[in-house]
């Protein structure tokens, strides 16, 4: 049975995930313009790894934060459903993006 409330929340979380990833990609593509091209700066690898850690935590919260809270509240079926909907919608978005990129090259 399709739970529209859980689906809606999952789609919102997926949309925020896509926006976050898009923001990180935009930053990474323009980092040299923002920060300069000092290849010998020892803080650069630290900043990159911190961005990776923050990104992993952000994605973890967007994908699993609400389902974990639901699970701990005893809503086990709903929690699993929401996690699956969120991951599934991200997979669909990814496939659509790949198809759009392939179509643009053709």
PDB file of N, CA and C in Angstrom:
ATOM      1  N   UNK A   1       0.840  -1.173   0.000  1.00  0.00           N
ATOM      2  CA  UNK A   1       0.000   0.000   0.000  1.00  0.00           C
ATOM      3  C   UNK A   1       0.893   1.247   0.000  1.00  0.00           C
ATOM      4  N   UNK A   2       0.565   2.204  -0.831  1.00  0.00           N
ATOM      5  CA  UNK A   2       1.339   3.430  -0.987  1.00  0.00           C
ATOM      6  C   UNK A   2       0.920   4.438   0.074  1.00  0.00           C
ATOM      7  N   UNK A   3       1.841   4.805   0.935  1.00  0.00           N
ATOM      8  CA  UNK A   3       1.581   5.815   1.953  1.00  0.00           C
ATOM      9  C   UNK A   3       2.022   7.158   1.382  1.00  0.00           C
ATOM     10  N   UNK A   4       1.040   7.992   1.022  1.00  0.00           N
ATOM     11  CA  UNK A   4       1.351   9.249   0.341  1.00  0.00           C
ATOM     12  C   UNK A   4       2.122  10.225   1.227  1.00  0.00           C
ATOM     13  N   UNK A   5       1.862  10.213   2.529  1.00  0.00           N
ATOM     14  CA  UNK A   5       2.581  11.110   3.426  1.00  0.00           C
ATOM     15  C   UNK A   5       4.064  10.747   3.475  1.00  0.00           C
ATOM     16  N   UNK A   6       4.338   9.463   3.610  1.00  0.00           N
ATOM     17  CA  UNK A   6       5.733   9.013   3.651  1.00  0.00           C
ATOM     18  C   UNK A   6       6.392   9.257   2.305  1.00  0.00           C
ATOM     19  N   UNK A   7       5.691   9.004   1.213  1.00  0.00           N
ATOM     20  CA  UNK A   7       6.240   9.257  -0.122  1.00  0.00           C
ATOM     21  C   UNK A   7       6.572  10.733  -0.296  1.00  0.00           C
ATOM     22  N   UNK A   8       5.668  11.605   0.147  1.00  0.00           N
ATOM     23  CA  UNK A   8       5.906  13.043   0.024  1.00  0.00           C
ATOM     24  C   UNK A   8       7.143  13.461   0.810  1.00  0.00           C
ATOM     25  N   UNK A   9       7.271  12.971   2.065  1.00  0.00           N
ATOM     26  CA  UNK A   9       8.446  13.285   2.864  1.00  0.00           C
ATOM     27  C   UNK A   9       9.717  12.753   2.212  1.00  0.00           C
ATOM     28  N   UNK A  10       9.638  11.560   1.650  1.00  0.00           N
ATOM     29  CA  UNK A  10      10.797  10.969   0.981  1.00  0.00           C
ATOM     30  C   UNK A  10      11.224  11.796  -0.220  1.00  0.00           C
ATOM     31  N   UNK A  11      10.256  12.257  -0.996  1.00  0.00           N
ATOM     32  CA  UNK A  11      10.572  13.080  -2.163  1.00  0.00           C
ATOM     33  C   UNK A  11      11.181  14.417  -1.754  1.00  0.00           C
ATOM     34  N   UNK A  12      10.697  14.987  -0.655  1.00  0.00           N
ATOM     35  CA  UNK A  12      11.275  16.237  -0.154  1.00  0.00           C
ATOM     36  C   UNK A  12      12.719  16.011   0.287  1.00  0.00           C
ATOM     37  N   UNK A  13      12.962  14.927   1.006  1.00  0.00           N
ATOM     38  CA  UNK A  13      14.329  14.624   1.440  1.00  0.00           C
ATOM     39  C   UNK A  13      15.227  14.371   0.233  1.00  0.00           C
ATOM     40  N   UNK A  14      14.708  13.688  -0.770  1.00  0.00           N
ATOM     41  CA  UNK A  14      15.490  13.442  -1.992  1.00  0.00           C
ATOM     42  C   UNK A  14      15.795  14.749  -2.704  1.00  0.00           C
ATOM     43  N   UNK A  15      14.828  15.644  -2.759  1.00  0.00           N
ATOM     44  CA  UNK A  15      15.044  16.940  -3.407  1.00  0.00           C
ATOM     45  C   UNK A  15      16.132  17.727  -2.683  1.00  0.00           C
ATOM     46  N   UNK A  16      16.094  17.724  -1.345  1.00  0.00           N
ATOM     47  CA  UNK A  16      17.143  18.407  -0.590  1.00  0.00           C
ATOM     48  C   UNK A  16      18.498  17.752  -0.827  1.00  0.00           C
ATOM     49  N   UNK A  17      18.533  16.438  -0.952  1.00  0.00           N
ATOM     50  CA  UNK A  17      19.791  15.740  -1.232  1.00  0.00           C
ATOM     51  C   UNK A  17      20.346  16.167  -2.587  1.00  0.00           C
ATOM     52  N   UNK A  18      19.484  16.234  -3.588  1.00  0.00           N
ATOM     53  CA  UNK A  18      19.916  16.661  -4.925  1.00  0.00           C
ATOM     54  C   UNK A  18      20.412  18.108  -4.879  1.00  0.00           C
ATOM     55  N   UNK A  19      19.704  18.968  -4.159  1.00  0.00           N
ATOM     56  CA  UNK A  19      20.142  20.362  -4.044  1.00  0.00           C
ATOM     57  C   UNK A  19      21.487  20.457  -3.337  1.00  0.00           C
ATOM     58  N   UNK A  20      21.667  19.684  -2.286  1.00  0.00           N
ATOM     59  CA  UNK A  20      22.944  19.707  -1.564  1.00  0.00           C
ATOM     60  C   UNK A  20      24.083  19.227  -2.463  1.00  0.00           C
ATOM     61  N   UNK A  21      23.871  18.116  -3.148  1.00  0.00           N
ATOM     62  CA  UNK A  21      24.902  17.587  -4.046  1.00  0.00           C
ATOM     63  C   UNK A  21      25.202  18.594  -5.152  1.00  0.00           C
ATOM     64  N   UNK A  22      24.168  19.218  -5.697  1.00  0.00           N
ATOM     65  CA  UNK A  22      24.368  20.229  -6.736  1.00  0.00           C
ATOM     66  C   UNK A  22      25.188  21.402  -6.204  1.00  0.00           C
ATOM     67  N   UNK A  23      24.923  21.813  -4.980  1.00  0.00           N
ATOM     68  CA  UNK A  23      25.685  22.895  -4.373  1.00  0.00           C
ATOM     69  C   UNK A  23      27.151  22.531  -4.170  1.00  0.00           C
ATOM     70  N   UNK A  24      27.400  21.310  -3.704  1.00  0.00           N
ATOM     71  CA  UNK A  24      28.779  20.863  -3.510  1.00  0.00           C
ATOM     72  C   UNK A  24      29.505  20.779  -4.851  1.00  0.00           C
ATOM     73  N   UNK A  25      28.837  20.257  -5.858  1.00  0.00           N
ATOM     74  CA  UNK A  25      29.447  20.157  -7.192  1.00  0.00           C
ATOM     75  C   UNK A  25      29.759  21.546  -7.735  1.00  0.00           C
ATOM     76  N   UNK A  26      28.828  22.470  -7.589  1.00  0.00           N
ATOM     77  CA  UNK A  26      29.065  23.838  -8.049  1.00  0.00           C
ATOM     78  C   UNK A  26      30.266  24.449  -7.337  1.00  0.00           C
ATOM     79  N   UNK A  27      30.335  24.242  -6.029  1.00  0.00           N
ATOM     80  CA  UNK A  27      31.488  24.746  -5.272  1.00  0.00           C
ATOM     81  C   UNK A  27      32.780  24.114  -5.764  1.00  0.00           C
ATOM     82  N   UNK A  28      32.792  22.791  -5.929  1.00  0.00           N
ATOM     83  CA  UNK A  28      34.003  22.086  -6.351  1.00  0.00           C
ATOM     84  C   UNK A  28      34.461  22.541  -7.741  1.00  0.00           C
ATOM     85  N   UNK A  29      33.500  22.769  -8.640  1.00  0.00           N
ATOM     86  CA  UNK A  29      33.869  23.198  -9.990  1.00  0.00           C
ATOM     87  C   UNK A  29      34.418  24.620 -10.006  1.00  0.00           C
ATOM     88  N   UNK A  30      34.032  25.423  -9.027  1.00  0.00           N
ATOM     89  CA  UNK A  30      34.462  26.817  -8.989  1.00  0.00           C
ATOM     90  C   UNK A  30      35.411  27.117  -7.843  1.00  0.00           C
ATOM     91  N   UNK A  31      35.898  26.105  -7.153  1.00  0.00           N
ATOM     92  CA  UNK A  31      36.741  26.311  -5.978  1.00  0.00           C
ATOM     93  C   UNK A  31      38.004  27.086  -6.318  1.00  0.00           C
ATOM     94  N   UNK A  32      38.602  26.804  -7.451  1.00  0.00           N
ATOM     95  CA  UNK A  32      39.831  27.502  -7.827  1.00  0.00           C
ATOM     96  C   UNK A  32      39.572  28.999  -7.990  1.00  0.00           C
ATOM     97  N   UNK A  33      38.426  29.325  -8.545  1.00  0.00           N
ATOM     98  CA  UNK A  33      38.082  30.735  -8.718  1.00  0.00           C
ATOM     99  C   UNK A  33      37.839  31.401  -7.361  1.00  0.00           C
ATOM    100  N   UNK A  34      37.191  30.674  -6.435  1.00  0.00           N
ATOM    101  CA  UNK A  34      36.894  31.228  -5.111  1.00  0.00           C
ATOM    102  C   UNK A  34      38.125  31.294  -4.222  1.00  0.00           C
ATOM    103  N   UNK A  35      38.945  30.250  -4.259  1.00  0.00           N
ATOM    104  CA  UNK A  35      40.019  30.081  -3.278  1.00  0.00           C
ATOM    105  C   UNK A  35      41.414  30.260  -3.852  1.00  0.00           C
ATOM    106  N   UNK A  36      41.538  30.360  -5.151  1.00  0.00           N
ATOM    107  CA  UNK A  36      42.846  30.446  -5.775  1.00  0.00           C
ATOM    108  C   UNK A  36      43.367  29.058  -6.090  1.00  0.00           C
ATOM    109  N   UNK A  37      44.562  29.000  -6.676  1.00  0.00           N
ATOM    110  CA  UNK A  37      45.103  27.715  -7.126  1.00  0.00           C
ATOM    111  C   UNK A  37      46.406  27.373  -6.411  1.00  0.00           C
ATOM    112  N   UNK A  38      46.499  27.682  -5.154  1.00  0.00           N
ATOM    113  CA  UNK A  38      47.695  27.381  -4.377  1.00  0.00           C
ATOM    114  C   UNK A  38      47.729  25.883  -4.089  1.00  0.00           C
ATOM    115  N   UNK A  39      48.459  25.135  -4.933  1.00  0.00           N
ATOM    116  CA  UNK A  39      48.501  23.678  -4.818  1.00  0.00           C
ATOM    117  C   UNK A  39      49.274  23.208  -3.582  1.00  0.00           C
ATOM    118  N   UNK A  40      50.084  24.049  -3.011  1.00  0.00           N
ATOM    119  CA  UNK A  40      50.899  23.639  -1.880  1.00  0.00           C
ATOM    120  C   UNK A  40      50.305  24.043  -0.537  1.00  0.00           C
ATOM    121  N   UNK A  41      49.079  24.472  -0.522  1.00  0.00           N
ATOM    122  CA  UNK A  41      48.433  24.870   0.723  1.00  0.00           C
ATOM    123  C   UNK A  41      48.091  23.621   1.536  1.00  0.00           C
ATOM    124  N   UNK A  42      48.663  23.454   2.719  1.00  0.00           N
ATOM    125  CA  UNK A  42      48.401  22.242   3.503  1.00  0.00           C
ATOM    126  C   UNK A  42      46.969  22.147   4.018  1.00  0.00           C
ATOM    127  N   UNK A  43      46.246  23.247   4.008  1.00  0.00           N
ATOM    128  CA  UNK A  43      44.868  23.218   4.486  1.00  0.00           C
ATOM    129  C   UNK A  43      43.912  22.658   3.430  1.00  0.00           C
ATOM    130  N   UNK A  44      44.327  22.628   2.171  1.00  0.00           N
ATOM    131  CA  UNK A  44      43.434  22.181   1.097  1.00  0.00           C
ATOM    132  C   UNK A  44      42.970  20.733   1.281  1.00  0.00           C
ATOM    133  N   UNK A  45      43.877  19.770   1.530  1.00  0.00           N
ATOM    134  CA  UNK A  45      43.400  18.397   1.741  1.00  0.00           C
ATOM    135  C   UNK A  45      42.523  18.265   2.985  1.00  0.00           C
ATOM    136  N   UNK A  46      42.844  19.039   4.013  1.00  0.00           N
ATOM    137  CA  UNK A  46      42.035  19.004   5.238  1.00  0.00           C
ATOM    138  C   UNK A  46      40.627  19.511   4.941  1.00  0.00           C
ATOM    139  N   UNK A  47      40.551  20.620   4.219  1.00  0.00           N
ATOM    140  CA  UNK A  47      39.252  21.186   3.863  1.00  0.00           C
ATOM    141  C   UNK A  47      38.461  20.209   2.998  1.00  0.00           C
ATOM    142  N   UNK A  48      39.130  19.544   2.067  1.00  0.00           N
ATOM    143  CA  UNK A  48      38.446  18.590   1.200  1.00  0.00           C
ATOM    144  C   UNK A  48      37.894  17.422   2.010  1.00  0.00           C
ATOM    145  N   UNK A  49      38.722  16.879   2.919  1.00  0.00           N
ATOM    146  CA  UNK A  49      38.255  15.753   3.733  1.00  0.00           C
ATOM    147  C   UNK A  49      37.143  16.167   4.684  1.00  0.00           C
ATOM    148  N   UNK A  50      37.215  17.381   5.216  1.00  0.00           N
ATOM    149  CA  UNK A  50      36.123  17.878   6.062  1.00  0.00           C
ATOM    150  C   UNK A  50      34.839  18.032   5.259  1.00  0.00           C
ATOM    151  N   UNK A  51      34.956  18.501   4.027  1.00  0.00           N
ATOM    152  CA  UNK A  51      33.774  18.591   3.165  1.00  0.00           C
ATOM    153  C   UNK A  51      33.183  17.202   2.918  1.00  0.00           C
ATOM    154  N   UNK A  52      34.053  16.216   2.741  1.00  0.00           N
ATOM    155  CA  UNK A  52      33.593  14.840   2.565  1.00  0.00           C
ATOM    156  C   UNK A  52      32.843  14.350   3.801  1.00  0.00           C
ATOM    157  N   UNK A  53      33.388  14.624   4.981  1.00  0.00           N
ATOM    158  CA  UNK A  53      32.751  14.199   6.232  1.00  0.00           C
ATOM    159  C   UNK A  53      31.399  14.894   6.411  1.00  0.00           C
ATOM    160  N   UNK A  54      31.369  16.193   6.175  1.00  0.00           N
ATOM    161  CA  UNK A  54      30.113  16.942   6.295  1.00  0.00           C
ATOM    162  C   UNK A  54      29.087  16.424   5.281  1.00  0.00           C
ATOM    163  N   UNK A  55      29.540  16.131   4.084  1.00  0.00           N
ATOM    164  CA  UNK A  55      28.634  15.622   3.053  1.00  0.00           C
ATOM    165  C   UNK A  55      28.069  14.255   3.428  1.00  0.00           C
ATOM    166  N   UNK A  56      28.917  13.376   3.940  1.00  0.00           N
ATOM    167  CA  UNK A  56      28.445  12.051   4.360  1.00  0.00           C
ATOM    168  C   UNK A  56      27.430  12.176   5.498  1.00  0.00           C
ATOM    169  N   UNK A  57      27.709  13.050   6.452  1.00  0.00           N
ATOM    170  CA  UNK A  57      26.778  13.249   7.564  1.00  0.00           C
ATOM    171  C   UNK A  57      25.466  13.853   7.080  1.00  0.00           C
ATOM    172  N   UNK A  58      25.550  14.816   6.179  1.00  0.00           N
ATOM    173  CA  UNK A  58      24.340  15.459   5.648  1.00  0.00           C
ATOM    174  C   UNK A  58      23.489  14.452   4.888  1.00  0.00           C
ATOM    175  N   UNK A  59      24.114  13.685   4.019  1.00  0.00           N
ATOM    176  CA  UNK A  59      23.355  12.681   3.267  1.00  0.00           C
ATOM    177  C   UNK A  59      22.776  11.617   4.200  1.00  0.00           C
ATOM    178  N   UNK A  60      23.556  11.232   5.213  1.00  0.00           N
ATOM    179  CA  UNK A  60      23.048  10.263   6.184  1.00  0.00           C
ATOM    180  C   UNK A  60      21.808  10.775   6.887  1.00  0.00           C
ATOM    181  N   UNK A  61      21.836  12.045   7.279  1.00  0.00           N
ATOM    182  CA  UNK A  61      20.668  12.619   7.952  1.00  0.00           C
ATOM    183  C   UNK A  61      19.477  12.750   7.005  1.00  0.00           C
ATOM    184  N   UNK A  62      19.737  13.175   5.777  1.00  0.00           N
ATOM    185  CA  UNK A  62      18.633  13.335   4.822  1.00  0.00           C
ATOM    186  C   UNK A  62      17.993  12.002   4.459  1.00  0.00           C
ATOM    187  N   UNK A  63      18.801  10.970   4.359  1.00  0.00           N
ATOM    188  CA  UNK A  63      18.267   9.675   3.926  1.00  0.00           C
ATOM    189  C   UNK A  63      17.779   8.844   5.110  1.00  0.00           C
ATOM    190  N   UNK A  64      18.539   8.832   6.200  1.00  0.00           N
ATOM    191  CA  UNK A  64      18.211   7.917   7.298  1.00  0.00           C
ATOM    192  C   UNK A  64      17.759   8.592   8.592  1.00  0.00           C
ATOM    193  N   UNK A  65      17.860   9.904   8.701  1.00  0.00           N
ATOM    194  CA  UNK A  65      17.510  10.584   9.944  1.00  0.00           C
ATOM    195  C   UNK A  65      16.078  10.346  10.370  1.00  0.00           C
ATOM    196  N   UNK A  66      15.145  10.694   9.513  1.00  0.00           N
ATOM    197  CA  UNK A  66      13.724  10.518   9.833  1.00  0.00           C
ATOM    198  C   UNK A  66      13.355   9.042   9.985  1.00  0.00           C
ATOM    199  N   UNK A  67      13.792   8.149   9.086  1.00  0.00           N
ATOM    200  CA  UNK A  67      13.472   6.731   9.286  1.00  0.00           C
ATOM    201  C   UNK A  67      13.984   6.173  10.617  1.00  0.00           C
ATOM    202  N   UNK A  68      15.163   6.591  11.052  1.00  0.00           N
ATOM    203  CA  UNK A  68      15.674   6.104  12.335  1.00  0.00           C
ATOM    204  C   UNK A  68      14.786   6.599  13.471  1.00  0.00           C
ATOM    205  N   UNK A  69      14.382   7.864  13.418  1.00  0.00           N
ATOM    206  CA  UNK A  69      13.487   8.395  14.454  1.00  0.00           C
ATOM    207  C   UNK A  69      12.155   7.644  14.457  1.00  0.00           C
ATOM    208  N   UNK A  70      11.631   7.362  13.275  1.00  0.00           N
ATOM    209  CA  UNK A  70      10.381   6.609  13.183  1.00  0.00           C
ATOM    210  C   UNK A  70      10.559   5.206  13.754  1.00  0.00           C
ATOM    211  N   UNK A  71      11.675   4.579  13.420  1.00  0.00           N
ATOM    212  CA  UNK A  71      11.955   3.230  13.907  1.00  0.00           C
ATOM    213  C   UNK A  71      12.024   3.208  15.429  1.00  0.00           C
ATOM    214  N   UNK A  72      12.708   4.185  15.993  1.00  0.00           N
ATOM    215  CA  UNK A  72      12.833   4.252  17.447  1.00  0.00           C
ATOM    216  C   UNK A  72      11.499   4.553  18.129  1.00  0.00           C
ATOM    217  N   UNK A  73      10.580   5.187  17.397  1.00  0.00           N
ATOM    218  CA  UNK A  73       9.235   5.453  17.917  1.00  0.00           C
ATOM    219  C   UNK A  73       8.307   4.254  17.747  1.00  0.00           C
ATOM    220  N   UNK A  74       8.842   3.144  17.239  1.00  0.00           N
ATOM    221  CA  UNK A  74       8.042   1.932  17.091  1.00  0.00           C
ATOM    222  C   UNK A  74       7.349   1.800  15.745  1.00  0.00           C
ATOM    223  N   UNK A  75       7.589   2.720  14.837  1.00  0.00           N
ATOM    224  CA  UNK A  75       6.972   2.676  13.509  1.00  0.00           C
ATOM    225  C   UNK A  75       7.947   2.013  12.536  1.00  0.00           C
ATOM    226  N   UNK A  76       8.193   0.739  12.777  1.00  0.00           N
ATOM    227  CA  UNK A  76       9.228   0.030  12.032  1.00  0.00           C
ATOM    228  C   UNK A  76       8.902  -0.098  10.552  1.00  0.00           C
ATOM    229  N   UNK A  77       7.699  -0.492  10.223  1.00  0.00           N
ATOM    230  CA  UNK A  77       7.313  -0.656   8.816  1.00  0.00           C
ATOM    231  C   UNK A  77       7.382   0.672   8.070  1.00  0.00           C
ATOM    232  N   UNK A  78       6.888   1.729   8.697  1.00  0.00           N
ATOM    233  CA  UNK A  78       6.917   3.053   8.063  1.00  0.00           C
ATOM    234  C   UNK A  78       8.354   3.541   7.874  1.00  0.00           C
ATOM    235  N   UNK A  79       9.204   3.230   8.851  1.00  0.00           N
ATOM    236  CA  UNK A  79      10.609   3.644   8.768  1.00  0.00           C
ATOM    237  C   UNK A  79      11.306   2.981   7.585  1.00  0.00           C
ATOM    238  N   UNK A  80      11.112   1.695   7.444  1.00  0.00           N
ATOM    239  CA  UNK A  80      11.725   0.973   6.326  1.00  0.00           C
ATOM    240  C   UNK A  80      11.149   1.465   5.007  1.00  0.00           C
ATOM    241  N   UNK A  81       9.842   1.706   4.988  1.00  0.00           N
ATOM    242  CA  UNK A  81       9.191   2.212   3.778  1.00  0.00           C
ATOM    243  C   UNK A  81       9.779   3.559   3.374  1.00  0.00           C
ATOM    244  N   UNK A  82       9.939   4.447   4.341  1.00  0.00           N
ATOM    245  CA  UNK A  82      10.473   5.775   4.020  1.00  0.00           C
ATOM    246  C   UNK A  82      11.912   5.691   3.520  1.00  0.00           C
ATOM    247  N   UNK A  83      12.731   4.863   4.159  1.00  0.00           N
ATOM    248  CA  UNK A  83      14.116   4.709   3.698  1.00  0.00           C
ATOM    249  C   UNK A  83      14.136   4.177   2.267  1.00  0.00           C
ATOM    250  N   UNK A  84      13.295   3.198   1.982  1.00  0.00           N
ATOM    251  CA  UNK A  84      13.240   2.628   0.626  1.00  0.00           C
ATOM    252  C   UNK A  84      12.737   3.639  -0.389  1.00  0.00           C
ATOM    253  N   UNK A  85      11.700   4.409  -0.036  1.00  0.00           N
ATOM    254  CA  UNK A  85      11.193   5.441  -0.940  1.00  0.00           C
ATOM    255  C   UNK A  85      12.266   6.492  -1.225  1.00  0.00           C
ATOM    256  N   UNK A  86      12.987   6.912  -0.192  1.00  0.00           N
ATOM    257  CA  UNK A  86      14.005   7.941  -0.375  1.00  0.00           C
ATOM    258  C   UNK A  86      15.140   7.429  -1.258  1.00  0.00           C
ATOM    259  N   UNK A  87      15.630   6.247  -0.955  1.00  0.00           N
ATOM    260  CA  UNK A  87      16.710   5.671  -1.761  1.00  0.00           C
ATOM    261  C   UNK A  87      16.219   5.395  -3.186  1.00  0.00           C
ATOM    262  N   UNK A  88      15.007   4.900  -3.306  1.00  0.00           N
ATOM    263  CA  UNK A  88      14.439   4.630  -4.632  1.00  0.00           C
ATOM    264  C   UNK A  88      14.273   5.889  -5.454  1.00  0.00           C
ATOM    265  N   UNK A  89      13.789   6.959  -4.826  1.00  0.00           N
ATOM    266  CA  UNK A  89      13.613   8.196  -5.586  1.00  0.00           C
ATOM    267  C   UNK A  89      14.960   8.787  -5.984  1.00  0.00           C
ATOM    268  N   UNK A  90      15.974   8.657  -5.122  1.00  0.00           N
ATOM    269  CA  UNK A  90      17.318   9.105  -5.509  1.00  0.00           C
ATOM    270  C   UNK A  90      17.860   8.273  -6.669  1.00  0.00           C
ATOM    271  N   UNK A  91      17.559   6.976  -6.664  1.00  0.00           N
ATOM    272  CA  UNK A  91      17.994   6.115  -7.779  1.00  0.00           C
ATOM    273  C   UNK A  91      17.307   6.525  -9.069  1.00  0.00           C
ATOM    274  N   UNK A  92      16.014   6.821  -9.010  1.00  0.00           N
ATOM    275  CA  UNK A  92      15.279   7.250 -10.209  1.00  0.00           C
ATOM    276  C   UNK A  92      15.836   8.572 -10.718  1.00  0.00           C
ATOM    277  N   UNK A  93      16.091   9.514  -9.811  1.00  0.00           N
ATOM    278  CA  UNK A  93      16.667  10.802 -10.216  1.00  0.00           C
ATOM    279  C   UNK A  93      18.025  10.589 -10.879  1.00  0.00           C
ATOM    280  N   UNK A  94      18.833   9.703 -10.321  1.00  0.00           N
ATOM    281  CA  UNK A  94      20.151   9.417 -10.886  1.00  0.00           C
ATOM    282  C   UNK A  94      20.033   8.844 -12.292  1.00  0.00           C
ATOM    283  N   UNK A  95      19.146   7.874 -12.482  1.00  0.00           N
ATOM    284  CA  UNK A  95      18.956   7.268 -13.805  1.00  0.00           C
ATOM    285  C   UNK A  95      18.459   8.312 -14.798  1.00  0.00           C
ATOM    286  N   UNK A  96      17.500   9.150 -14.384  1.00  0.00           N
ATOM    287  CA  UNK A  96      16.999  10.198 -15.280  1.00  0.00           C
ATOM    288  C   UNK A  96      18.098  11.188 -15.655  1.00  0.00           C
ATOM    289  N   UNK A  97      18.950  11.521 -14.701  1.00  0.00           N
ATOM    290  CA  UNK A  97      20.062  12.428 -14.978  1.00  0.00           C
ATOM    291  C   UNK A  97      21.046  11.810 -15.968  1.00  0.00           C
ATOM    292  N   UNK A  98      21.349  10.532 -15.790  1.00  0.00           N
ATOM    293  CA  UNK A  98      22.255   9.846 -16.715  1.00  0.00           C
ATOM    294  C   UNK A  98      21.650   9.771 -18.107  1.00  0.00           C
ATOM    295  N   UNK A  99      20.358   9.480 -18.194  1.00  0.00           N
ATOM    296  CA  UNK A  99      19.686   9.439 -19.491  1.00  0.00           C
ATOM    297  C   UNK A  99      19.718  10.816 -20.152  1.00  0.00           C
ATOM    298  N   UNK A 100      19.458  11.864 -19.372  1.00  0.00           N
ATOM    299  CA  UNK A 100      19.491  13.219 -19.924  1.00  0.00           C
ATOM    300  C   UNK A 100      20.881  13.587 -20.411  1.00  0.00           C
ATOM    301  N   UNK A 101      21.918  13.188 -19.665  1.00  0.00           N
ATOM    302  CA  UNK A 101      23.284  13.475 -20.104  1.00  0.00           C
ATOM    303  C   UNK A 101      23.630  12.707 -21.376  1.00  0.00           C
ATOM    304  N   UNK A 102      23.190  11.456 -21.468  1.00  0.00           N
ATOM    305  CA  UNK A 102      23.452  10.663 -22.673  1.00  0.00           C
ATOM    306  C   UNK A 102      22.718  11.229 -23.874  1.00  0.00           C
ATOM    307  N   UNK A 103      21.483  11.671 -23.654  1.00  0.00           N
ATOM    308  CA  UNK A 103      20.700  12.257 -24.746  1.00  0.00           C
ATOM    309  C   UNK A 103      21.318  13.571 -25.235  1.00  0.00           C
ATOM    310  N   UNK A 104      21.901  14.325 -24.311  1.00  0.00           N
ATOM    311  CA  UNK A 104      22.527  15.596 -24.685  1.00  0.00           C
ATOM    312  C   UNK A 104      23.771  15.379 -25.536  1.00  0.00           C
ATOM    313  N   UNK A 105      24.451  14.250 -25.337  1.00  0.00           N
ATOM    314  CA  UNK A 105      25.643  13.946 -26.133  1.00  0.00           C
ATOM    315  C   UNK A 105      25.304  13.427 -27.512  1.00  0.00           C
ATOM    316  N   UNK A 106      24.122  12.878 -27.658  1.00  0.00           N
ATOM    317  CA  UNK A 106      23.736  12.266 -28.948  1.00  0.00           C
ATOM    318  C   UNK A 106      23.337  13.297 -29.977  1.00  0.00           C
TER     319      UNK A 106
END
